[in-house]
Amino acid sequence: MTTAPAPHQNDPAVITRVLTTPGTWAVVGLSGNTSRTAYGVSRFLQDQGHRLVPVHPRAETVHGETGYARLADIPDGPVEVVDFFVNSARVGRCVDEAVEQRERLGIRTLWLQLGVVDEEAAQRAQQAGLEVVMDTCPMIEWPRLSR
């Protein structure tokens, strides 16, 4: 019988660094649908100085940025952060793709959005050397930053 991984704890220093250091964020689940949370949060990230790479099966251009169907389709990085707007039941597969692409794209951090929780996927990512932020949103964390 296997035991469940310990509950993930977000590191405030990681949150502060990724939010305040301009970088490229691949946003998995970002489409041109303006009513979706991913659309508004990604605009917020862009307004904070981050470059976006939309990742969605339709590969739509969003906020003026070219979209790709999968992380594997993004030309060589750097992509410092991968932000996941997919449901918890599907995020593990997406995290595994990010782990596979980490060296090619230069991925350092995975951000699983508010309500997106997969302890086992977070543990796999950390074991692969990636930082993980889980079950929170940049728009929630931004006001908490001690800048």
Foldseek 3Di string as FASTA:
>chain_A
DDDFDDDDDADLVVLQVVQQPAEEEEEEPDDQPCVDPSQVQVVVSVVNRHHYEYADCVQHQHPNHTYHPAPVPDQFAQHAEYEYPDAQVPVLVNLVSCLVCCVRHVYAEYEYDANHDDRVSCVVNVVSRHHYHHRHGSVVCVVVDPD
